[in-house]
Amino acid sequence: MTQIAIGSGAKMMNLDCHTKQGKSFIEKQKETGALIEAHFGVSVEHVKYDAEKFDAYIYKNNKLVSVCEIKTRPFFNRKRKTPCTLSLLKKEGYLITAEKLDILQEQSIKLGVRTFVFVNLPLDNKILCFKITDRSGSFVIDFKRERTRTKYSCNDYKGDTIRENAFIPIEGNKHFKSYNY
C-alpha cells in the first residue's frame, strides 16, 4: 500500500496495481513492452507514477513518438475462462474502457504524438496494434461507445461495474495490425 500524507494524518491508498493480481498484470505489461521494443525497434518507457492514466511512452532514436496503453489478454471472459484469440476478437471487436481512449487523445493533443493500444494475445503468440489517434489528437478509428457491465479492475474480487466502454472493430479497420512473436 502507498501512504499519502493528507494534512496532519496519513491515508492509505489501495491501488489495484499494488495487489498480487495487479503486480502480475504490471509484469505482463512490461513483458509486452519488451515484445513491442523487439518488433518495432523502439524504446518503451513505462510510466513511473502508479496511478497514471496510460501505460507507456514510446521513443524512437531518443525522440518521443507515441503514448500507449498496453494490455495482455489470455481470456476474452475471465469469469468463464473463455480464451482470447484473434479469431474471436475479429467477430466481437476489442473492448476497452472508453476513458482510456479519451486519455490517449488528451495525451496526443498535449504532446503532438500518435497513440496506440497494444494487446498481447499469449494464446495466439500475437501482438495486436491499434492506432488510436494521429499527431493532432484526432481519432483515426471508428469505435462505438456503450455503457456495459465489465470487471471493475484486474482484481476480480472487486466484482463488476457498469461503465462506458469502447468497442474497437478489427474487421475493416485499416488502423489495425497483428504481429506474430
N, C-alpha and C. Protein backbone atom coordinates (compact mmCIF):
# COMPACT_ATOMS: atom_id res chain seq x y z
N MET A 1 0.83 -1.18 0.00
CA MET A 1 0.00 0.00 0.00
C MET A 1 0.88 1.24 0.00
N THR A 2 0.39 2.30 -0.61
CA THR A 2 1.10 3.55 -0.66
C THR A 2 0.47 4.51 0.35
N GLN A 3 1.29 5.16 1.13
CA GLN A 3 0.76 6.15 2.05
C GLN A 3 0.86 7.52 1.41
N ILE A 4 -0.23 8.25 1.52
CA ILE A 4 -0.26 9.61 1.01
C ILE A 4 -0.54 10.53 2.18
N ALA A 5 0.33 11.49 2.42
CA ALA A 5 0.13 12.41 3.54
C ALA A 5 -0.99 13.39 3.21
N ILE A 6 -1.94 13.49 4.10
CA ILE A 6 -3.05 14.43 3.94
C ILE A 6 -3.17 15.18 5.25
N GLY A 7 -2.87 16.47 5.22
CA GLY A 7 -2.94 17.27 6.45
C GLY A 7 -1.96 16.71 7.47
N SER A 8 -2.44 16.52 8.71
CA SER A 8 -1.56 16.03 9.76
C SER A 8 -1.55 14.52 9.84
N GLY A 9 -2.47 13.85 9.13
CA GLY A 9 -2.54 12.38 9.17
C GLY A 9 -2.07 11.79 7.87
N ALA A 10 -2.17 10.48 7.77
CA ALA A 10 -1.82 9.80 6.53
C ALA A 10 -2.98 8.89 6.15
N LYS A 11 -3.25 8.81 4.87
CA LYS A 11 -4.33 7.97 4.37
C LYS A 11 -3.70 6.83 3.57
N MET A 12 -4.21 5.63 3.74
CA MET A 12 -3.71 4.51 2.95
C MET A 12 -4.45 4.48 1.62
N MET A 13 -3.70 4.34 0.56
CA MET A 13 -4.30 4.30 -0.76
C MET A 13 -4.09 2.90 -1.31
N ASN A 14 -5.17 2.22 -1.66
CA ASN A 14 -5.09 0.84 -2.13
C ASN A 14 -5.30 0.82 -3.64
N LEU A 15 -4.22 1.00 -4.38
CA LEU A 15 -4.30 0.94 -5.83
C LEU A 15 -4.30 -0.51 -6.28
N ASP A 16 -5.06 -0.80 -7.33
CA ASP A 16 -5.13 -2.16 -7.85
C ASP A 16 -3.76 -2.70 -8.24
N CYS A 17 -2.87 -1.83 -8.70
CA CYS A 17 -1.55 -2.29 -9.13
C CYS A 17 -0.68 -2.77 -7.97
N HIS A 18 -1.09 -2.50 -6.73
CA HIS A 18 -0.30 -2.92 -5.58
C HIS A 18 -0.72 -4.28 -5.02
N THR A 19 -1.78 -4.87 -5.57
CA THR A 19 -2.22 -6.19 -5.12
C THR A 19 -1.41 -7.25 -5.86
N LYS A 20 -1.51 -8.49 -5.39
CA LYS A 20 -0.81 -9.60 -6.04
C LYS A 20 -1.22 -9.70 -7.52
N GLN A 21 -2.53 -9.65 -7.78
CA GLN A 21 -3.03 -9.74 -9.16
C GLN A 21 -2.59 -8.53 -9.97
N GLY A 22 -2.64 -7.35 -9.35
CA GLY A 22 -2.21 -6.14 -10.04
C GLY A 22 -0.75 -6.18 -10.43
N LYS A 23 0.08 -6.68 -9.53
CA LYS A 23 1.51 -6.80 -9.83
C LYS A 23 1.74 -7.78 -10.98
N SER A 24 0.93 -8.83 -11.03
CA SER A 24 1.02 -9.78 -12.14
C SER A 24 0.65 -9.10 -13.46
N PHE A 25 -0.39 -8.29 -13.45
CA PHE A 25 -0.80 -7.56 -14.66
C PHE A 25 0.30 -6.61 -15.11
N ILE A 26 0.93 -5.90 -14.16
CA ILE A 26 2.01 -4.97 -14.48
C ILE A 26 3.20 -5.73 -15.08
N GLU A 27 3.52 -6.90 -14.52
CA GLU A 27 4.61 -7.71 -15.06
C GLU A 27 4.32 -8.12 -16.51
N LYS A 28 3.08 -8.52 -16.78
CA LYS A 28 2.68 -8.88 -18.15
C LYS A 28 2.78 -7.65 -19.07
N GLN A 29 2.42 -6.48 -18.55
CA GLN A 29 2.53 -5.25 -19.34
C GLN A 29 3.99 -5.01 -19.73
N LYS A 30 4.89 -5.20 -18.80
CA LYS A 30 6.31 -4.98 -19.08
C LYS A 30 6.84 -6.02 -20.07
N GLU A 31 6.39 -7.26 -19.94
CA GLU A 31 6.78 -8.29 -20.91
C GLU A 31 6.30 -7.92 -22.31
N THR A 32 5.09 -7.41 -22.40
CA THR A 32 4.55 -6.98 -23.69
C THR A 32 5.33 -5.79 -24.22
N GLY A 33 5.71 -4.88 -23.32
CA GLY A 33 6.55 -3.74 -23.72
C GLY A 33 7.85 -4.20 -24.36
N ALA A 34 8.44 -5.24 -23.80
CA ALA A 34 9.68 -5.79 -24.37
C ALA A 34 9.44 -6.38 -25.76
N LEU A 35 8.29 -7.02 -25.95
CA LEU A 35 7.94 -7.55 -27.29
C LEU A 35 7.76 -6.41 -28.29
N ILE A 36 7.15 -5.33 -27.85
CA ILE A 36 6.95 -4.15 -28.72
C ILE A 36 8.31 -3.57 -29.10
N GLU A 37 9.20 -3.46 -28.12
CA GLU A 37 10.54 -2.93 -28.40
C GLU A 37 11.25 -3.79 -29.44
N ALA A 38 11.20 -5.11 -29.27
CA ALA A 38 11.90 -6.02 -30.18
C ALA A 38 11.31 -5.97 -31.58
N HIS A 39 9.99 -5.89 -31.68
CA HIS A 39 9.36 -5.93 -33.00
C HIS A 39 9.52 -4.61 -33.76
N PHE A 40 9.34 -3.49 -33.07
CA PHE A 40 9.31 -2.19 -33.74
C PHE A 40 10.63 -1.42 -33.67
N GLY A 41 11.61 -1.91 -32.92
CA GLY A 41 12.88 -1.19 -32.80
C GLY A 41 12.71 0.15 -32.10
N VAL A 42 11.90 0.15 -31.04
CA VAL A 42 11.64 1.35 -30.27
C VAL A 42 12.01 1.09 -28.81
N SER A 43 11.92 2.12 -28.02
CA SER A 43 12.14 2.01 -26.59
C SER A 43 10.82 2.32 -25.89
N VAL A 44 10.36 1.42 -25.04
CA VAL A 44 9.12 1.60 -24.30
C VAL A 44 9.46 1.99 -22.87
N GLU A 45 9.03 3.17 -22.47
CA GLU A 45 9.26 3.64 -21.10
C GLU A 45 7.94 3.60 -20.35
N HIS A 46 7.81 2.65 -19.46
CA HIS A 46 6.58 2.51 -18.68
C HIS A 46 6.48 3.67 -17.69
N VAL A 47 5.28 4.17 -17.49
CA VAL A 47 5.11 5.29 -16.57
C VAL A 47 5.54 4.87 -15.17
N LYS A 48 6.04 5.82 -14.42
CA LYS A 48 6.55 5.52 -13.10
C LYS A 48 5.52 5.79 -12.01
N TYR A 49 4.59 6.68 -12.25
CA TYR A 49 3.58 7.02 -11.27
C TYR A 49 2.48 5.97 -11.31
N ASP A 50 2.26 5.27 -10.21
CA ASP A 50 1.34 4.12 -10.16
C ASP A 50 -0.07 4.42 -10.63
N ALA A 51 -0.55 5.61 -10.40
CA ALA A 51 -1.94 5.92 -10.74
C ALA A 51 -2.07 6.66 -12.07
N GLU A 52 -1.01 6.63 -12.88
CA GLU A 52 -1.06 7.29 -14.19
C GLU A 52 -2.19 6.68 -15.01
N LYS A 53 -2.74 7.45 -15.91
CA LYS A 53 -3.93 7.02 -16.66
C LYS A 53 -3.61 6.36 -17.99
N PHE A 54 -2.35 6.22 -18.34
CA PHE A 54 -1.93 5.47 -19.52
C PHE A 54 -0.69 4.69 -19.13
N ASP A 55 -0.22 3.81 -20.01
CA ASP A 55 0.80 2.86 -19.60
C ASP A 55 2.24 3.23 -19.94
N ALA A 56 2.48 3.81 -21.13
CA ALA A 56 3.88 3.98 -21.52
C ALA A 56 4.05 5.05 -22.58
N TYR A 57 5.30 5.54 -22.62
CA TYR A 57 5.78 6.41 -23.69
C TYR A 57 6.61 5.54 -24.62
N ILE A 58 6.58 5.85 -25.90
CA ILE A 58 7.40 5.11 -26.87
C ILE A 58 8.35 6.09 -27.54
N TYR A 59 9.62 5.72 -27.56
CA TYR A 59 10.67 6.55 -28.15
C TYR A 59 11.32 5.82 -29.32
N LYS A 60 11.66 6.59 -30.34
CA LYS A 60 12.44 6.08 -31.48
C LYS A 60 13.60 7.04 -31.66
N ASN A 61 14.81 6.52 -31.62
CA ASN A 61 16.01 7.35 -31.72
C ASN A 61 15.98 8.48 -30.69
N ASN A 62 15.60 8.14 -29.48
CA ASN A 62 15.54 9.07 -28.34
C ASN A 62 14.51 10.20 -28.50
N LYS A 63 13.59 10.06 -29.44
CA LYS A 63 12.55 11.07 -29.65
C LYS A 63 11.20 10.45 -29.31
N LEU A 64 10.40 11.16 -28.51
CA LEU A 64 9.06 10.67 -28.17
C LEU A 64 8.22 10.61 -29.44
N VAL A 65 7.68 9.43 -29.73
CA VAL A 65 6.87 9.27 -30.94
C VAL A 65 5.45 8.82 -30.64
N SER A 66 5.22 8.32 -29.42
CA SER A 66 3.89 7.81 -29.13
C SER A 66 3.66 7.66 -27.63
N VAL A 67 2.38 7.61 -27.29
CA VAL A 67 1.91 7.24 -25.95
C VAL A 67 0.99 6.06 -26.17
N CYS A 68 0.99 5.11 -25.23
CA CYS A 68 0.18 3.92 -25.49
C CYS A 68 -0.41 3.31 -24.23
N GLU A 69 -1.36 2.48 -24.47
CA GLU A 69 -1.98 1.61 -23.48
C GLU A 69 -1.53 0.20 -23.87
N ILE A 70 -1.15 -0.62 -22.88
CA ILE A 70 -0.65 -1.97 -23.15
C ILE A 70 -1.46 -2.95 -22.32
N LYS A 71 -2.01 -3.96 -22.97
CA LYS A 71 -2.81 -4.97 -22.29
C LYS A 71 -2.33 -6.37 -22.67
N THR A 72 -2.55 -7.32 -21.79
CA THR A 72 -2.36 -8.73 -22.08
C THR A 72 -3.69 -9.40 -21.84
N ARG A 73 -4.18 -10.16 -22.82
CA ARG A 73 -5.50 -10.76 -22.71
C ARG A 73 -5.46 -12.26 -22.98
N PRO A 74 -5.22 -13.07 -21.94
CA PRO A 74 -5.33 -14.51 -22.13
C PRO A 74 -6.79 -14.94 -22.23
N PHE A 75 -7.69 -14.16 -21.60
CA PHE A 75 -9.11 -14.52 -21.60
C PHE A 75 -9.97 -13.41 -22.20
N PHE A 76 -10.92 -13.81 -23.00
CA PHE A 76 -11.94 -12.90 -23.52
C PHE A 76 -12.92 -12.60 -22.40
N ASN A 77 -13.24 -13.63 -21.62
CA ASN A 77 -14.11 -13.50 -20.46
C ASN A 77 -13.42 -14.24 -19.32
N ARG A 78 -12.90 -13.48 -18.34
CA ARG A 78 -12.14 -14.09 -17.24
C ARG A 78 -13.01 -15.02 -16.40
N LYS A 79 -14.25 -14.61 -16.17
CA LYS A 79 -15.14 -15.41 -15.32
C LYS A 79 -15.37 -16.79 -15.92
N ARG A 80 -15.61 -16.83 -17.24
CA ARG A 80 -15.89 -18.10 -17.92
C ARG A 80 -14.62 -18.79 -18.43
N LYS A 81 -13.50 -18.09 -18.31
CA LYS A 81 -12.21 -18.59 -18.80
C LYS A 81 -12.24 -18.84 -20.31
N THR A 82 -12.98 -17.99 -21.02
CA THR A 82 -13.04 -18.07 -22.48
C THR A 82 -11.72 -17.56 -23.05
N PRO A 83 -10.99 -18.38 -23.79
CA PRO A 83 -9.71 -17.94 -24.35
C PRO A 83 -9.89 -16.74 -25.27
N CYS A 84 -8.96 -15.80 -25.19
CA CYS A 84 -8.99 -14.63 -26.06
C CYS A 84 -8.08 -14.91 -27.25
N THR A 85 -8.69 -14.96 -28.42
CA THR A 85 -7.95 -15.23 -29.65
C THR A 85 -8.28 -14.15 -30.68
N LEU A 86 -7.42 -13.99 -31.64
CA LEU A 86 -7.67 -13.04 -32.71
C LEU A 86 -8.94 -13.41 -33.46
N SER A 87 -9.17 -14.68 -33.66
CA SER A 87 -10.37 -15.13 -34.36
C SER A 87 -11.63 -14.65 -33.65
N LEU A 88 -11.67 -14.78 -32.33
CA LEU A 88 -12.83 -14.32 -31.57
C LEU A 88 -12.95 -12.80 -31.60
N LEU A 89 -11.82 -12.11 -31.46
CA LEU A 89 -11.85 -10.65 -31.48
C LEU A 89 -12.29 -10.09 -32.84
N LYS A 90 -11.98 -10.82 -33.91
CA LYS A 90 -12.44 -10.38 -35.23
C LYS A 90 -13.96 -10.36 -35.28
N LYS A 91 -14.60 -11.28 -34.58
CA LYS A 91 -16.07 -11.33 -34.55
C LYS A 91 -16.65 -10.29 -33.60
N GLU A 92 -16.02 -10.15 -32.44
CA GLU A 92 -16.59 -9.34 -31.36
C GLU A 92 -16.05 -7.93 -31.26
N GLY A 93 -14.83 -7.69 -31.78
CA GLY A 93 -14.17 -6.41 -31.57
C GLY A 93 -13.42 -6.44 -30.25
N TYR A 94 -12.60 -5.41 -30.03
CA TYR A 94 -11.82 -5.32 -28.81
C TYR A 94 -12.48 -4.32 -27.87
N LEU A 95 -12.78 -4.76 -26.65
CA LEU A 95 -13.40 -3.90 -25.65
C LEU A 95 -12.33 -3.28 -24.76
N ILE A 96 -12.45 -1.97 -24.56
CA ILE A 96 -11.55 -1.24 -23.66
C ILE A 96 -12.37 -0.13 -23.01
N THR A 97 -12.02 0.24 -21.80
CA THR A 97 -12.71 1.34 -21.14
C THR A 97 -12.58 2.58 -22.02
N ALA A 98 -13.69 3.22 -22.35
CA ALA A 98 -13.69 4.37 -23.25
C ALA A 98 -12.81 5.50 -22.73
N GLU A 99 -12.77 5.66 -21.43
CA GLU A 99 -11.93 6.71 -20.84
C GLU A 99 -10.46 6.54 -21.24
N LYS A 100 -10.01 5.30 -21.42
CA LYS A 100 -8.62 5.06 -21.83
C LYS A 100 -8.34 5.71 -23.18
N LEU A 101 -9.29 5.61 -24.10
CA LEU A 101 -9.11 6.22 -25.42
C LEU A 101 -9.14 7.74 -25.32
N ASP A 102 -10.01 8.27 -24.46
CA ASP A 102 -10.08 9.72 -24.26
C ASP A 102 -8.78 10.25 -23.67
N ILE A 103 -8.19 9.50 -22.75
CA ILE A 103 -6.91 9.90 -22.15
C ILE A 103 -5.80 9.86 -23.19
N LEU A 104 -5.81 8.83 -24.03
CA LEU A 104 -4.82 8.79 -25.11
C LEU A 104 -4.99 9.99 -26.03
N GLN A 105 -6.21 10.35 -26.33
CA GLN A 105 -6.46 11.52 -27.18
C GLN A 105 -5.92 12.79 -26.51
N GLU A 106 -6.16 12.95 -25.23
CA GLU A 106 -5.65 14.12 -24.49
C GLU A 106 -4.13 14.18 -24.56
N GLN A 107 -3.47 13.04 -24.38
CA GLN A 107 -2.01 12.99 -24.43
C GLN A 107 -1.50 13.31 -25.84
N SER A 108 -2.22 12.84 -26.84
CA SER A 108 -1.85 13.12 -28.22
C SER A 108 -1.89 14.62 -28.50
N ILE A 109 -2.95 15.26 -28.06
CA ILE A 109 -3.08 16.72 -28.25
C ILE A 109 -1.98 17.46 -27.49
N LYS A 110 -1.76 17.05 -26.26
CA LYS A 110 -0.77 17.71 -25.39
C LYS A 110 0.65 17.54 -25.91
N LEU A 111 0.99 16.34 -26.38
CA LEU A 111 2.37 16.03 -26.75
C LEU A 111 2.64 16.03 -28.25
N GLY A 112 1.58 16.07 -29.06
CA GLY A 112 1.75 16.07 -30.51
C GLY A 112 2.27 14.74 -31.05
N VAL A 113 1.80 13.64 -30.45
CA VAL A 113 2.24 12.31 -30.88
C VAL A 113 1.04 11.43 -31.20
N ARG A 114 1.30 10.37 -31.97
CA ARG A 114 0.26 9.37 -32.22
C ARG A 114 0.08 8.52 -30.97
N THR A 115 -1.08 7.89 -30.88
CA THR A 115 -1.32 7.00 -29.74
C THR A 115 -1.77 5.63 -30.25
N PHE A 116 -1.49 4.62 -29.41
CA PHE A 116 -1.78 3.25 -29.78
C PHE A 116 -2.30 2.47 -28.57
N VAL A 117 -3.01 1.39 -28.87
CA VAL A 117 -3.32 0.36 -27.89
C VAL A 117 -2.67 -0.90 -28.42
N PHE A 118 -1.83 -1.51 -27.58
CA PHE A 118 -1.19 -2.78 -27.90
C PHE A 118 -1.81 -3.85 -27.01
N VAL A 119 -2.14 -4.98 -27.62
CA VAL A 119 -2.75 -6.09 -26.88
C VAL A 119 -1.96 -7.35 -27.16
N ASN A 120 -1.47 -7.98 -26.10
CA ASN A 120 -0.76 -9.24 -26.22
C ASN A 120 -1.78 -10.37 -26.10
N LEU A 121 -1.85 -11.22 -27.10
CA LEU A 121 -2.68 -12.42 -27.05
C LEU A 121 -1.75 -13.62 -26.89
N PRO A 122 -1.43 -14.00 -25.65
CA PRO A 122 -0.44 -15.06 -25.45
C PRO A 122 -0.86 -16.42 -26.00
N LEU A 123 -2.15 -16.69 -26.09
CA LEU A 123 -2.58 -17.98 -26.64
C LEU A 123 -2.35 -18.07 -28.15
N ASP A 124 -2.32 -16.92 -28.81
CA ASP A 124 -2.05 -16.87 -30.25
C ASP A 124 -0.61 -16.48 -30.57
N ASN A 125 0.16 -16.10 -29.55
CA ASN A 125 1.51 -15.55 -29.77
C ASN A 125 1.46 -14.38 -30.73
N LYS A 126 0.55 -13.44 -30.44
CA LYS A 126 0.38 -12.27 -31.30
C LYS A 126 0.33 -10.99 -30.46
N ILE A 127 0.83 -9.93 -31.06
CA ILE A 127 0.65 -8.59 -30.54
C ILE A 127 -0.31 -7.89 -31.49
N LEU A 128 -1.39 -7.34 -30.93
CA LEU A 128 -2.32 -6.55 -31.72
C LEU A 128 -1.94 -5.09 -31.56
N CYS A 129 -2.02 -4.35 -32.65
CA CYS A 129 -1.66 -2.94 -32.63
C CYS A 129 -2.81 -2.13 -33.23
N PHE A 130 -3.42 -1.31 -32.38
CA PHE A 130 -4.50 -0.42 -32.82
C PHE A 130 -3.98 1.01 -32.77
N LYS A 131 -3.91 1.68 -33.91
CA LYS A 131 -3.60 3.11 -33.91
C LYS A 131 -4.89 3.82 -33.50
N ILE A 132 -4.79 4.71 -32.51
CA ILE A 132 -5.96 5.37 -31.96
C ILE A 132 -6.10 6.80 -32.47
N THR A 133 -5.01 7.58 -32.39
CA THR A 133 -5.07 8.98 -32.86
C THR A 133 -3.88 9.29 -33.76
N ASP A 134 -4.05 10.36 -34.53
CA ASP A 134 -2.92 10.91 -35.27
C ASP A 134 -2.21 11.91 -34.35
N ARG A 135 -1.21 12.60 -34.85
CA ARG A 135 -0.42 13.52 -34.03
C ARG A 135 -1.20 14.72 -33.53
N SER A 136 -2.29 15.04 -34.18
CA SER A 136 -3.09 16.20 -33.75
C SER A 136 -4.15 15.82 -32.74
N GLY A 137 -4.27 14.54 -32.44
CA GLY A 137 -5.24 14.08 -31.45
C GLY A 137 -6.57 13.65 -32.05
N SER A 138 -6.67 13.63 -33.36
CA SER A 138 -7.92 13.17 -33.98
C SER A 138 -7.97 11.65 -33.96
N PHE A 139 -9.12 11.12 -33.56
CA PHE A 139 -9.29 9.67 -33.61
C PHE A 139 -9.22 9.21 -35.07
N VAL A 140 -8.46 8.15 -35.32
CA VAL A 140 -8.34 7.63 -36.69
C VAL A 140 -9.16 6.36 -36.86
N ILE A 141 -9.78 5.90 -35.79
CA ILE A 141 -10.59 4.68 -35.85
C ILE A 141 -12.04 5.01 -35.53
N ASP A 142 -12.91 4.22 -36.09
CA ASP A 142 -14.32 4.29 -35.72
C ASP A 142 -14.54 3.27 -34.62
N PHE A 143 -15.12 3.70 -33.55
CA PHE A 143 -15.46 2.78 -32.48
C PHE A 143 -16.77 3.22 -31.88
N LYS A 144 -17.44 2.26 -31.28
CA LYS A 144 -18.72 2.57 -30.67
C LYS A 144 -18.53 2.61 -29.16
N ARG A 145 -19.28 3.50 -28.53
CA ARG A 145 -19.28 3.61 -27.07
C ARG A 145 -20.60 3.08 -26.56
N GLU A 146 -20.51 2.35 -25.45
CA GLU A 146 -21.74 1.80 -24.86
C GLU A 146 -21.49 1.53 -23.38
N ARG A 147 -22.47 1.84 -22.56
CA ARG A 147 -22.38 1.51 -21.13
C ARG A 147 -22.69 0.03 -20.98
N THR A 148 -21.70 -0.71 -20.49
CA THR A 148 -21.86 -2.15 -20.33
C THR A 148 -21.25 -2.58 -19.00
N ARG A 149 -21.58 -3.78 -18.61
CA ARG A 149 -21.04 -4.37 -17.38
C ARG A 149 -19.72 -5.04 -17.70
N THR A 150 -18.70 -4.69 -16.95
CA THR A 150 -17.38 -5.32 -17.07
C THR A 150 -16.78 -5.46 -15.68
N LYS A 151 -15.66 -6.12 -15.61
CA LYS A 151 -14.96 -6.24 -14.34
C LYS A 151 -14.51 -4.85 -13.89
N TYR A 152 -14.62 -4.60 -12.58
CA TYR A 152 -14.20 -3.31 -12.03
C TYR A 152 -12.71 -3.07 -12.28
N SER A 153 -11.91 -4.13 -12.08
CA SER A 153 -10.47 -4.00 -12.25
C SER A 153 -9.87 -5.38 -12.49
N CYS A 154 -8.55 -5.45 -12.45
CA CYS A 154 -7.87 -6.73 -12.59
C CYS A 154 -8.12 -7.62 -11.37
N ASN A 155 -8.59 -7.03 -10.30
CA ASN A 155 -8.88 -7.77 -9.06
C ASN A 155 -10.33 -8.21 -9.08
N ASP A 156 -10.54 -9.45 -9.49
CA ASP A 156 -11.90 -9.97 -9.67
C ASP A 156 -12.76 -9.88 -8.42
N TYR A 157 -12.16 -9.93 -7.24
CA TYR A 157 -12.95 -9.87 -6.01
C TYR A 157 -13.69 -8.54 -5.86
N LYS A 158 -13.29 -7.53 -6.62
CA LYS A 158 -13.99 -6.23 -6.57
C LYS A 158 -15.28 -6.25 -7.36
N GLY A 159 -15.50 -7.34 -8.09
CA GLY A 159 -16.77 -7.50 -8.79
C GLY A 159 -16.85 -6.75 -10.10
N ASP A 160 -18.09 -6.53 -10.52
CA ASP A 160 -18.38 -5.88 -11.80
C ASP A 160 -18.77 -4.42 -11.58
N THR A 161 -18.72 -3.69 -12.66
CA THR A 161 -19.19 -2.31 -12.66
C THR A 161 -19.83 -2.03 -14.02
N ILE A 162 -20.63 -1.01 -14.07
CA ILE A 162 -21.18 -0.56 -15.35
C ILE A 162 -20.46 0.73 -15.70
N ARG A 163 -19.83 0.74 -16.87
CA ARG A 163 -19.09 1.93 -17.30
C ARG A 163 -19.19 2.06 -18.81
N GLU A 164 -18.79 3.22 -19.28
CA GLU A 164 -18.77 3.44 -20.72
C GLU A 164 -17.54 2.74 -21.29
N ASN A 165 -17.80 1.79 -22.17
CA ASN A 165 -16.73 1.05 -22.83
C ASN A 165 -16.70 1.39 -24.31
N ALA A 166 -15.55 1.18 -24.89
CA ALA A 166 -15.37 1.38 -26.33
C ALA A 166 -15.19 0.01 -26.96
N PHE A 167 -15.78 -0.17 -28.11
CA PHE A 167 -15.66 -1.41 -28.87
C PHE A 167 -14.96 -1.08 -30.18
N ILE A 168 -13.71 -1.52 -30.28
CA ILE A 168 -12.89 -1.22 -31.46
C ILE A 168 -12.98 -2.40 -32.42
N PRO A 169 -13.45 -2.14 -33.64
CA PRO A 169 -13.53 -3.25 -34.60
C PRO A 169 -12.15 -3.64 -35.13
N ILE A 170 -12.05 -4.89 -35.51
CA ILE A 170 -10.83 -5.38 -36.16
C ILE A 170 -11.09 -5.54 -37.65
N GLU A 171 -12.18 -6.19 -37.99
CA GLU A 171 -12.53 -6.37 -39.40
C GLU A 171 -12.78 -5.00 -40.04
N GLY A 172 -12.12 -4.75 -41.15
CA GLY A 172 -12.30 -3.50 -41.88
C GLY A 172 -11.59 -2.30 -41.25
N ASN A 173 -10.82 -2.51 -40.21
CA ASN A 173 -10.11 -1.42 -39.54
C ASN A 173 -8.72 -1.28 -40.15
N LYS A 174 -8.52 -0.25 -40.97
CA LYS A 174 -7.23 -0.08 -41.64
C LYS A 174 -6.13 0.39 -40.69
N HIS A 175 -6.51 0.72 -39.44
CA HIS A 175 -5.53 1.15 -38.45
C HIS A 175 -5.27 0.05 -37.41
N PHE A 176 -5.50 -1.19 -37.84
CA PHE A 176 -5.23 -2.36 -37.00
C PHE A 176 -4.26 -3.28 -37.72
N LYS A 177 -3.30 -3.80 -36.95
CA LYS A 177 -2.37 -4.81 -37.48
C LYS A 177 -2.09 -5.81 -36.36
N SER A 178 -1.73 -7.02 -36.76
CA SER A 178 -1.30 -8.01 -35.77
C SER A 178 0.06 -8.55 -36.20
N TYR A 179 0.85 -8.92 -35.19
CA TYR A 179 2.21 -9.39 -35.43
C TYR A 179 2.43 -10.66 -34.61
N ASN A 180 3.09 -11.63 -35.23
CA ASN A 180 3.46 -12.86 -34.51
C ASN A 180 4.71 -12.63 -33.71
N TYR A 181 4.83 -13.36 -32.64
CA TYR A 181 6.10 -13.34 -31.88
C TYR A 181 6.47 -14.75 -31.48
